[in-house]
Amino acid sequence: MKNNNDPQHELARAVALTLIGRGWRIALAESCTGGLVCATLTDLAGSSNWLERGYITYSNAAKSECLDVPAETIESFGAVSEPVAKAMAEGALCNANVNAAISITGIAGPTGGSVEKLVGTVCFGWAIKENVGRDVVNTITLTKHFNGDRQVVREQARDFALSHFLELLKPKNA
């Protein structure tokens, strides 16, 4: 049984309260985390009130088919890149018709890294639309490097994705 007093569950509760307070719903687009963020969020009872859906788009084809990530973007920048993370977040936002979406694509290891993109490289996207149905979308992307084994990299990516989402939604004067 999971301990719902773990730091990641506290983070999930903070995300839930923020979304509920705004009357928003969220979608996730996960690659290297394989649904870990969604699993953490759905550990909370009542998550169906603010979590719309999650996409696990591990392959390049899935990113294109499920999230409308252009194949050209993947070919030009690689699946682990900020342009792909941006397209994933925006695809999830539009396809799920929600106010917010988070995307994660990276190299959790222990293999798959290169000189340009080391194991532990993870790209994130956060797409936010104040009003569903309107065209104005604010998308932020970041790349981080995490150390540790595969599970540790995935857990750090989950925690960073959620904590940075909360930072992005803090009032500017707070």
N, C-alpha and C. Protein backbone atom coordinates (compact mmCIF):
# COMPACT_ATOMS: atom_id res chain seq x y z
N MET A 1 0.85 -1.19 0.00
CA MET A 1 0.00 0.00 0.00
C MET A 1 0.88 1.24 0.00
N LYS A 2 0.46 2.23 -0.75
CA LYS A 2 1.25 3.46 -0.88
C LYS A 2 1.03 4.38 0.31
N ASN A 3 2.09 5.05 0.68
CA ASN A 3 2.02 6.03 1.75
C ASN A 3 1.65 7.37 1.13
N ASN A 4 0.44 7.82 1.34
CA ASN A 4 -0.02 9.07 0.74
C ASN A 4 0.51 10.31 1.44
N ASN A 5 1.46 10.11 2.37
CA ASN A 5 2.15 11.26 2.98
C ASN A 5 3.52 11.47 2.35
N ASP A 6 3.85 10.68 1.33
CA ASP A 6 5.12 10.84 0.62
C ASP A 6 5.15 12.21 -0.04
N PRO A 7 6.36 12.75 -0.24
CA PRO A 7 6.47 14.08 -0.87
C PRO A 7 5.77 14.17 -2.23
N GLN A 8 5.83 13.10 -3.05
CA GLN A 8 5.18 13.19 -4.36
C GLN A 8 3.67 13.26 -4.23
N HIS A 9 3.12 12.66 -3.16
CA HIS A 9 1.68 12.75 -2.96
C HIS A 9 1.29 14.13 -2.44
N GLU A 10 2.16 14.75 -1.66
CA GLU A 10 1.93 16.13 -1.25
C GLU A 10 1.93 17.05 -2.47
N LEU A 11 2.85 16.80 -3.37
CA LEU A 11 2.93 17.56 -4.62
C LEU A 11 1.66 17.35 -5.45
N ALA A 12 1.21 16.11 -5.55
CA ALA A 12 -0.02 15.81 -6.28
C ALA A 12 -1.21 16.52 -5.66
N ARG A 13 -1.27 16.53 -4.33
CA ARG A 13 -2.38 17.23 -3.65
C ARG A 13 -2.34 18.73 -3.95
N ALA A 14 -1.15 19.30 -3.97
CA ALA A 14 -1.02 20.73 -4.28
C ALA A 14 -1.48 21.01 -5.71
N VAL A 15 -1.13 20.13 -6.63
CA VAL A 15 -1.60 20.28 -8.02
C VAL A 15 -3.12 20.18 -8.06
N ALA A 16 -3.66 19.19 -7.37
CA ALA A 16 -5.12 19.01 -7.35
C ALA A 16 -5.83 20.25 -6.81
N LEU A 17 -5.35 20.77 -5.70
CA LEU A 17 -5.99 21.95 -5.10
C LEU A 17 -5.90 23.16 -6.02
N THR A 18 -4.77 23.30 -6.70
CA THR A 18 -4.60 24.42 -7.63
C THR A 18 -5.58 24.29 -8.80
N LEU A 19 -5.69 23.10 -9.36
CA LEU A 19 -6.60 22.90 -10.49
C LEU A 19 -8.05 23.08 -10.06
N ILE A 20 -8.42 22.52 -8.91
CA ILE A 20 -9.78 22.66 -8.40
C ILE A 20 -10.10 24.14 -8.15
N GLY A 21 -9.15 24.85 -7.57
CA GLY A 21 -9.35 26.27 -7.27
C GLY A 21 -9.60 27.10 -8.51
N ARG A 22 -9.03 26.69 -9.63
CA ARG A 22 -9.22 27.41 -10.89
C ARG A 22 -10.36 26.84 -11.74
N GLY A 23 -10.88 25.69 -11.32
CA GLY A 23 -11.90 25.03 -12.12
C GLY A 23 -11.33 24.43 -13.40
N TRP A 24 -10.08 24.03 -13.35
CA TRP A 24 -9.38 23.51 -14.52
C TRP A 24 -9.28 22.00 -14.50
N ARG A 25 -8.99 21.46 -15.70
CA ARG A 25 -8.66 20.05 -15.88
C ARG A 25 -7.31 19.98 -16.58
N ILE A 26 -6.60 18.87 -16.38
CA ILE A 26 -5.27 18.70 -16.93
C ILE A 26 -5.16 17.40 -17.72
N ALA A 27 -4.26 17.40 -18.69
CA ALA A 27 -3.90 16.20 -19.44
C ALA A 27 -2.39 16.04 -19.37
N LEU A 28 -1.92 14.81 -19.45
CA LEU A 28 -0.49 14.51 -19.42
C LEU A 28 -0.10 13.81 -20.70
N ALA A 29 1.10 14.11 -21.17
CA ALA A 29 1.70 13.42 -22.32
C ALA A 29 3.06 12.93 -21.84
N GLU A 30 3.16 11.64 -21.59
CA GLU A 30 4.38 11.08 -21.01
C GLU A 30 5.05 10.12 -21.96
N SER A 31 6.37 10.19 -21.99
CA SER A 31 7.16 9.23 -22.76
C SER A 31 8.03 8.46 -21.77
N CYS A 32 9.18 8.99 -21.39
CA CYS A 32 10.12 8.24 -20.55
C CYS A 32 9.56 7.89 -19.17
N THR A 33 8.59 8.64 -18.68
CA THR A 33 8.01 8.33 -17.37
C THR A 33 6.91 7.28 -17.46
N GLY A 34 6.48 6.94 -18.66
CA GLY A 34 5.58 5.83 -18.87
C GLY A 34 4.31 5.83 -18.03
N GLY A 35 3.77 6.98 -17.72
CA GLY A 35 2.54 7.07 -16.95
C GLY A 35 2.75 7.28 -15.45
N LEU A 36 3.99 7.48 -15.04
CA LEU A 36 4.29 7.66 -13.62
C LEU A 36 3.60 8.90 -13.05
N VAL A 37 3.54 9.98 -13.83
CA VAL A 37 2.87 11.19 -13.34
C VAL A 37 1.38 10.93 -13.19
N CYS A 38 0.78 10.32 -14.19
CA CYS A 38 -0.65 9.99 -14.10
C CYS A 38 -0.94 9.06 -12.92
N ALA A 39 -0.08 8.07 -12.72
CA ALA A 39 -0.28 7.14 -11.61
C ALA A 39 -0.24 7.88 -10.27
N THR A 40 0.69 8.80 -10.13
CA THR A 40 0.79 9.58 -8.89
C THR A 40 -0.46 10.44 -8.69
N LEU A 41 -0.93 11.07 -9.76
CA LEU A 41 -2.12 11.92 -9.65
C LEU A 41 -3.37 11.09 -9.35
N THR A 42 -3.48 9.93 -9.98
CA THR A 42 -4.69 9.11 -9.76
C THR A 42 -4.64 8.34 -8.45
N ASP A 43 -3.53 8.40 -7.72
CA ASP A 43 -3.51 7.84 -6.37
C ASP A 43 -4.44 8.63 -5.46
N LEU A 44 -4.75 9.87 -5.85
CA LEU A 44 -5.64 10.72 -5.05
C LEU A 44 -7.09 10.43 -5.37
N ALA A 45 -7.87 10.18 -4.35
CA ALA A 45 -9.31 10.01 -4.54
C ALA A 45 -9.88 11.32 -5.09
N GLY A 46 -10.79 11.23 -6.02
CA GLY A 46 -11.41 12.42 -6.60
C GLY A 46 -10.64 13.00 -7.77
N SER A 47 -9.58 12.33 -8.21
CA SER A 47 -8.77 12.88 -9.31
C SER A 47 -9.57 13.00 -10.61
N SER A 48 -10.66 12.26 -10.73
CA SER A 48 -11.47 12.36 -11.95
C SER A 48 -12.12 13.74 -12.08
N ASN A 49 -12.11 14.51 -11.01
CA ASN A 49 -12.68 15.86 -11.06
C ASN A 49 -11.78 16.86 -11.75
N TRP A 50 -10.48 16.54 -11.88
CA TRP A 50 -9.55 17.51 -12.45
C TRP A 50 -8.53 16.90 -13.41
N LEU A 51 -8.43 15.59 -13.46
CA LEU A 51 -7.53 14.92 -14.41
C LEU A 51 -8.37 14.36 -15.55
N GLU A 52 -8.14 14.89 -16.74
CA GLU A 52 -8.92 14.48 -17.91
C GLU A 52 -8.39 13.18 -18.51
N ARG A 53 -7.09 13.14 -18.82
CA ARG A 53 -6.52 11.94 -19.44
C ARG A 53 -5.01 12.03 -19.48
N GLY A 54 -4.43 10.86 -19.75
CA GLY A 54 -2.99 10.77 -19.93
C GLY A 54 -2.68 10.00 -21.20
N TYR A 55 -1.69 10.48 -21.89
CA TYR A 55 -1.20 9.81 -23.10
C TYR A 55 0.19 9.27 -22.77
N ILE A 56 0.41 7.99 -23.02
CA ILE A 56 1.75 7.43 -22.92
C ILE A 56 2.19 7.20 -24.35
N THR A 57 3.03 8.10 -24.82
CA THR A 57 3.46 8.07 -26.21
C THR A 57 4.96 7.78 -26.24
N TYR A 58 5.27 6.51 -26.05
CA TYR A 58 6.65 6.10 -25.93
C TYR A 58 7.37 6.11 -27.28
N SER A 59 6.68 5.68 -28.31
CA SER A 59 7.31 5.63 -29.64
C SER A 59 7.11 6.96 -30.37
N ASN A 60 7.95 7.18 -31.38
CA ASN A 60 7.80 8.37 -32.21
C ASN A 60 6.47 8.34 -32.94
N ALA A 61 6.07 7.16 -33.42
CA ALA A 61 4.78 7.04 -34.12
C ALA A 61 3.63 7.44 -33.20
N ALA A 62 3.68 7.02 -31.94
CA ALA A 62 2.62 7.37 -31.00
C ALA A 62 2.57 8.87 -30.75
N LYS A 63 3.74 9.51 -30.69
CA LYS A 63 3.77 10.96 -30.50
C LYS A 63 3.05 11.65 -31.66
N SER A 64 3.29 11.17 -32.87
CA SER A 64 2.65 11.76 -34.05
C SER A 64 1.17 11.41 -34.12
N GLU A 65 0.84 10.15 -33.91
CA GLU A 65 -0.55 9.69 -34.06
C GLU A 65 -1.48 10.21 -32.96
N CYS A 66 -1.02 10.19 -31.73
CA CYS A 66 -1.88 10.57 -30.61
C CYS A 66 -1.86 12.05 -30.26
N LEU A 67 -0.72 12.70 -30.53
CA LEU A 67 -0.55 14.08 -30.08
C LEU A 67 -0.29 15.06 -31.22
N ASP A 68 -0.32 14.56 -32.45
CA ASP A 68 -0.11 15.40 -33.63
C ASP A 68 1.26 16.06 -33.67
N VAL A 69 2.27 15.40 -33.08
CA VAL A 69 3.64 15.90 -33.18
C VAL A 69 4.11 15.66 -34.61
N PRO A 70 4.49 16.69 -35.33
CA PRO A 70 4.94 16.49 -36.71
C PRO A 70 6.17 15.58 -36.77
N ALA A 71 6.13 14.61 -37.67
CA ALA A 71 7.27 13.70 -37.85
C ALA A 71 8.53 14.49 -38.19
N GLU A 72 8.36 15.60 -38.90
CA GLU A 72 9.50 16.44 -39.27
C GLU A 72 10.17 17.04 -38.03
N THR A 73 9.38 17.36 -37.03
CA THR A 73 9.94 17.92 -35.79
C THR A 73 10.78 16.86 -35.09
N ILE A 74 10.26 15.64 -35.03
CA ILE A 74 11.00 14.54 -34.41
C ILE A 74 12.29 14.27 -35.19
N GLU A 75 12.20 14.24 -36.52
CA GLU A 75 13.37 13.97 -37.35
C GLU A 75 14.42 15.09 -37.22
N SER A 76 13.96 16.32 -37.16
CA SER A 76 14.89 17.45 -37.10
C SER A 76 15.58 17.61 -35.75
N PHE A 77 14.83 17.40 -34.66
CA PHE A 77 15.35 17.70 -33.33
C PHE A 77 15.56 16.47 -32.46
N GLY A 78 14.95 15.35 -32.82
CA GLY A 78 14.99 14.15 -32.00
C GLY A 78 13.82 14.12 -31.04
N ALA A 79 13.44 12.91 -30.65
CA ALA A 79 12.28 12.76 -29.76
C ALA A 79 12.52 13.42 -28.40
N VAL A 80 13.78 13.45 -27.98
CA VAL A 80 14.13 14.10 -26.72
C VAL A 80 14.64 15.50 -27.04
N SER A 81 13.70 16.44 -27.11
CA SER A 81 14.03 17.82 -27.46
C SER A 81 12.91 18.73 -26.98
N GLU A 82 13.24 19.99 -26.80
CA GLU A 82 12.21 20.94 -26.39
C GLU A 82 11.14 21.15 -27.47
N PRO A 83 11.49 21.19 -28.77
CA PRO A 83 10.42 21.32 -29.76
C PRO A 83 9.42 20.15 -29.72
N VAL A 84 9.90 18.95 -29.47
CA VAL A 84 8.99 17.80 -29.36
C VAL A 84 8.18 17.90 -28.06
N ALA A 85 8.81 18.27 -26.96
CA ALA A 85 8.09 18.44 -25.70
C ALA A 85 6.99 19.50 -25.84
N LYS A 86 7.29 20.58 -26.56
CA LYS A 86 6.30 21.64 -26.81
C LYS A 86 5.13 21.10 -27.62
N ALA A 87 5.44 20.38 -28.69
CA ALA A 87 4.38 19.83 -29.53
C ALA A 87 3.55 18.79 -28.78
N MET A 88 4.19 18.00 -27.94
CA MET A 88 3.46 17.02 -27.13
C MET A 88 2.49 17.70 -26.18
N ALA A 89 2.96 18.73 -25.47
CA ALA A 89 2.10 19.44 -24.51
C ALA A 89 0.93 20.11 -25.22
N GLU A 90 1.22 20.76 -26.34
CA GLU A 90 0.16 21.44 -27.08
C GLU A 90 -0.81 20.44 -27.71
N GLY A 91 -0.30 19.30 -28.15
CA GLY A 91 -1.18 18.26 -28.69
C GLY A 91 -2.11 17.70 -27.64
N ALA A 92 -1.58 17.45 -26.45
CA ALA A 92 -2.41 16.96 -25.35
C ALA A 92 -3.45 18.00 -24.95
N LEU A 93 -3.04 19.25 -24.88
CA LEU A 93 -3.95 20.33 -24.51
C LEU A 93 -5.12 20.42 -25.49
N CYS A 94 -4.79 20.41 -26.77
CA CYS A 94 -5.84 20.54 -27.80
C CYS A 94 -6.71 19.30 -27.90
N ASN A 95 -6.09 18.12 -27.93
CA ASN A 95 -6.86 16.89 -28.10
C ASN A 95 -7.75 16.58 -26.91
N ALA A 96 -7.31 16.95 -25.72
CA ALA A 96 -8.10 16.69 -24.51
C ALA A 96 -9.04 17.84 -24.17
N ASN A 97 -8.87 18.99 -24.83
CA ASN A 97 -9.71 20.17 -24.59
C ASN A 97 -9.72 20.56 -23.10
N VAL A 98 -8.50 20.77 -22.58
CA VAL A 98 -8.32 21.12 -21.17
C VAL A 98 -7.61 22.47 -21.06
N ASN A 99 -7.44 22.93 -19.82
CA ASN A 99 -6.74 24.19 -19.59
C ASN A 99 -5.23 24.03 -19.46
N ALA A 100 -4.78 22.83 -19.12
CA ALA A 100 -3.35 22.65 -18.88
C ALA A 100 -2.91 21.26 -19.32
N ALA A 101 -1.68 21.19 -19.79
CA ALA A 101 -1.08 19.91 -20.15
C ALA A 101 0.40 19.95 -19.81
N ILE A 102 0.90 18.80 -19.42
CA ILE A 102 2.32 18.64 -19.13
C ILE A 102 2.85 17.52 -20.01
N SER A 103 4.03 17.74 -20.59
CA SER A 103 4.66 16.69 -21.37
C SER A 103 6.06 16.40 -20.83
N ILE A 104 6.46 15.14 -21.00
CA ILE A 104 7.78 14.70 -20.57
C ILE A 104 8.32 13.74 -21.62
N THR A 105 9.53 14.02 -22.10
CA THR A 105 10.21 13.11 -23.02
C THR A 105 11.68 13.11 -22.66
N GLY A 106 12.27 11.94 -22.52
CA GLY A 106 13.66 11.91 -22.09
C GLY A 106 14.32 10.57 -22.25
N ILE A 107 15.53 10.49 -21.70
CA ILE A 107 16.34 9.28 -21.75
C ILE A 107 16.57 8.84 -20.30
N ALA A 108 15.79 7.86 -19.85
CA ALA A 108 15.88 7.41 -18.47
C ALA A 108 17.04 6.45 -18.25
N GLY A 109 17.53 5.81 -19.31
CA GLY A 109 18.67 4.91 -19.22
C GLY A 109 18.29 3.49 -18.88
N PRO A 110 19.24 2.67 -18.65
CA PRO A 110 20.67 2.95 -18.59
C PRO A 110 21.32 3.12 -19.97
N THR A 111 20.59 2.79 -21.04
CA THR A 111 21.14 2.96 -22.39
C THR A 111 20.33 4.02 -23.11
N GLY A 112 20.75 4.33 -24.34
CA GLY A 112 20.00 5.26 -25.16
C GLY A 112 20.58 6.65 -25.23
N GLY A 113 21.55 6.94 -24.39
CA GLY A 113 22.15 8.27 -24.40
C GLY A 113 23.17 8.42 -25.50
N SER A 114 23.59 9.65 -25.72
CA SER A 114 24.62 9.97 -26.70
C SER A 114 25.48 11.10 -26.14
N VAL A 115 26.49 11.48 -26.88
CA VAL A 115 27.34 12.59 -26.46
C VAL A 115 26.51 13.87 -26.37
N GLU A 116 25.59 14.06 -27.31
CA GLU A 116 24.74 15.27 -27.33
C GLU A 116 23.64 15.22 -26.27
N LYS A 117 23.10 14.01 -26.04
CA LYS A 117 22.00 13.85 -25.09
C LYS A 117 22.34 12.69 -24.17
N LEU A 118 22.83 13.04 -23.00
CA LEU A 118 23.26 12.03 -22.03
C LEU A 118 22.05 11.34 -21.39
N VAL A 119 22.29 10.13 -20.90
CA VAL A 119 21.27 9.46 -20.09
C VAL A 119 20.93 10.40 -18.93
N GLY A 120 19.67 10.56 -18.66
CA GLY A 120 19.21 11.48 -17.62
C GLY A 120 18.72 12.80 -18.17
N THR A 121 18.86 13.00 -19.50
CA THR A 121 18.34 14.21 -20.14
C THR A 121 16.83 14.08 -20.29
N VAL A 122 16.10 15.06 -19.80
CA VAL A 122 14.64 15.04 -19.89
C VAL A 122 14.16 16.43 -20.32
N CYS A 123 13.28 16.44 -21.32
CA CYS A 123 12.68 17.69 -21.80
C CYS A 123 11.22 17.73 -21.36
N PHE A 124 10.80 18.91 -20.94
CA PHE A 124 9.46 19.12 -20.39
C PHE A 124 8.73 20.20 -21.19
N GLY A 125 7.42 20.08 -21.23
CA GLY A 125 6.57 21.11 -21.79
C GLY A 125 5.37 21.32 -20.89
N TRP A 126 5.00 22.58 -20.72
CA TRP A 126 3.80 22.93 -19.96
C TRP A 126 2.99 23.87 -20.84
N ALA A 127 1.82 23.43 -21.26
CA ALA A 127 0.95 24.25 -22.10
C ALA A 127 -0.26 24.65 -21.25
N ILE A 128 -0.55 25.93 -21.25
CA ILE A 128 -1.62 26.46 -20.41
C ILE A 128 -2.52 27.36 -21.25
N LYS A 129 -3.80 27.13 -21.12
CA LYS A 129 -4.81 27.92 -21.81
C LYS A 129 -5.79 28.39 -20.74
N GLU A 130 -5.81 29.69 -20.51
CA GLU A 130 -6.69 30.23 -19.45
C GLU A 130 -8.15 29.87 -19.68
N ASN A 131 -8.59 29.95 -20.93
CA ASN A 131 -9.99 29.66 -21.25
C ASN A 131 -10.06 28.58 -22.32
N VAL A 132 -10.67 27.45 -21.97
CA VAL A 132 -10.83 26.36 -22.94
C VAL A 132 -11.66 26.88 -24.10
N GLY A 133 -11.27 26.50 -25.30
CA GLY A 133 -11.99 26.94 -26.49
C GLY A 133 -11.42 28.19 -27.13
N ARG A 134 -10.51 28.87 -26.43
CA ARG A 134 -9.86 30.06 -27.00
C ARG A 134 -8.51 29.65 -27.53
N ASP A 135 -7.94 30.44 -28.40
CA ASP A 135 -6.72 30.08 -29.08
C ASP A 135 -5.44 30.44 -28.34
N VAL A 136 -5.50 31.26 -27.31
CA VAL A 136 -4.29 31.74 -26.66
C VAL A 136 -3.73 30.65 -25.76
N VAL A 137 -2.55 30.13 -26.14
CA VAL A 137 -1.88 29.09 -25.38
C VAL A 137 -0.49 29.59 -25.02
N ASN A 138 -0.15 29.45 -23.76
CA ASN A 138 1.19 29.80 -23.30
C ASN A 138 1.92 28.48 -23.06
N THR A 139 3.01 28.25 -23.79
CA THR A 139 3.77 27.01 -23.63
C THR A 139 5.20 27.33 -23.22
N ILE A 140 5.63 26.65 -22.19
CA ILE A 140 6.98 26.79 -21.65
C ILE A 140 7.67 25.44 -21.82
N THR A 141 8.95 25.47 -22.20
CA THR A 141 9.72 24.23 -22.26
C THR A 141 11.03 24.39 -21.50
N LEU A 142 11.52 23.30 -20.97
CA LEU A 142 12.80 23.28 -20.27
C LEU A 142 13.44 21.91 -20.45
N THR A 143 14.75 21.90 -20.39
CA THR A 143 15.50 20.64 -20.40
C THR A 143 16.28 20.56 -19.10
N LYS A 144 16.22 19.40 -18.47
CA LYS A 144 16.95 19.16 -17.23
C LYS A 144 17.76 17.88 -17.38
N HIS A 145 18.78 17.76 -16.55
CA HIS A 145 19.54 16.52 -16.48
C HIS A 145 19.46 15.98 -15.06
N PHE A 146 19.09 14.72 -14.95
CA PHE A 146 18.97 14.06 -13.66
C PHE A 146 19.97 12.93 -13.56
N ASN A 147 20.49 12.71 -12.37
CA ASN A 147 21.43 11.61 -12.13
C ASN A 147 20.73 10.50 -11.38
N GLY A 148 21.20 9.29 -11.62
CA GLY A 148 20.65 8.14 -10.91
C GLY A 148 20.27 7.05 -11.89
N ASP A 149 19.75 5.97 -11.34
CA ASP A 149 19.33 4.87 -12.20
C ASP A 149 18.00 5.23 -12.87
N ARG A 150 17.52 4.32 -13.70
CA ARG A 150 16.31 4.56 -14.50
C ARG A 150 15.13 5.03 -13.64
N GLN A 151 14.87 4.34 -12.55
CA GLN A 151 13.72 4.71 -11.71
C GLN A 151 13.92 6.06 -11.05
N VAL A 152 15.11 6.35 -10.61
CA VAL A 152 15.40 7.64 -9.96
C VAL A 152 15.22 8.78 -10.96
N VAL A 153 15.71 8.60 -12.19
CA VAL A 153 15.53 9.63 -13.22
C VAL A 153 14.04 9.86 -13.47
N ARG A 154 13.28 8.79 -13.59
CA ARG A 154 11.83 8.92 -13.84
C ARG A 154 11.12 9.63 -12.68
N GLU A 155 11.49 9.28 -11.47
CA GLU A 155 10.86 9.92 -10.30
C GLU A 155 11.23 11.40 -10.20
N GLN A 156 12.49 11.72 -10.48
CA GLN A 156 12.89 13.13 -10.46
C GLN A 156 12.17 13.91 -11.55
N ALA A 157 11.98 13.29 -12.71
CA ALA A 157 11.26 13.95 -13.81
C ALA A 157 9.81 14.21 -13.40
N ARG A 158 9.17 13.21 -12.79
CA ARG A 158 7.79 13.39 -12.32
C ARG A 158 7.70 14.56 -11.35
N ASP A 159 8.58 14.56 -10.36
CA ASP A 159 8.53 15.59 -9.33
C ASP A 159 8.80 16.98 -9.90
N PHE A 160 9.77 17.07 -10.81
CA PHE A 160 10.07 18.36 -11.41
C PHE A 160 8.89 18.85 -12.26
N ALA A 161 8.29 17.96 -13.03
CA ALA A 161 7.16 18.35 -13.89
C ALA A 161 6.03 18.94 -13.06
N LEU A 162 5.71 18.30 -11.95
CA LEU A 162 4.61 18.78 -11.11
C LEU A 162 4.98 20.04 -10.34
N SER A 163 6.19 20.08 -9.78
CA SER A 163 6.57 21.26 -8.99
C SER A 163 6.73 22.49 -9.89
N HIS A 164 7.26 22.32 -11.09
CA HIS A 164 7.39 23.47 -11.98
C HIS A 164 6.02 23.94 -12.47
N PHE A 165 5.11 23.02 -12.67
CA PHE A 165 3.74 23.39 -13.03
C PHE A 165 3.15 24.31 -11.96
N LEU A 166 3.33 23.95 -10.71
CA LEU A 166 2.83 24.79 -9.61
C LEU A 166 3.51 26.16 -9.62
N GLU A 167 4.81 26.20 -9.89
CA GLU A 167 5.52 27.48 -9.96
C GLU A 167 4.96 28.36 -11.07
N LEU A 168 4.65 27.75 -12.22
CA LEU A 168 4.12 28.52 -13.35
C LEU A 168 2.76 29.11 -13.04
N LEU A 169 2.01 28.47 -12.17
CA LEU A 169 0.66 28.96 -11.87
C LEU A 169 0.59 29.89 -10.67
N LYS A 170 1.72 30.09 -9.98
CA LYS A 170 1.72 31.02 -8.85
C LYS A 170 1.44 32.43 -9.35
N PRO A 171 0.66 33.18 -8.59
CA PRO A 171 0.45 34.58 -8.97
C PRO A 171 1.79 35.30 -9.05
N LYS A 172 1.91 36.18 -10.02
CA LYS A 172 3.18 36.89 -10.26
C LYS A 172 3.61 37.74 -9.07
N ASN A 173 2.67 38.18 -8.27
CA ASN A 173 2.99 39.04 -7.11
C ASN A 173 3.18 38.28 -5.82
N ALA A 174 3.09 36.95 -5.89
CA ALA A 174 3.19 36.15 -4.65
C ALA A 174 4.62 36.02 -4.19
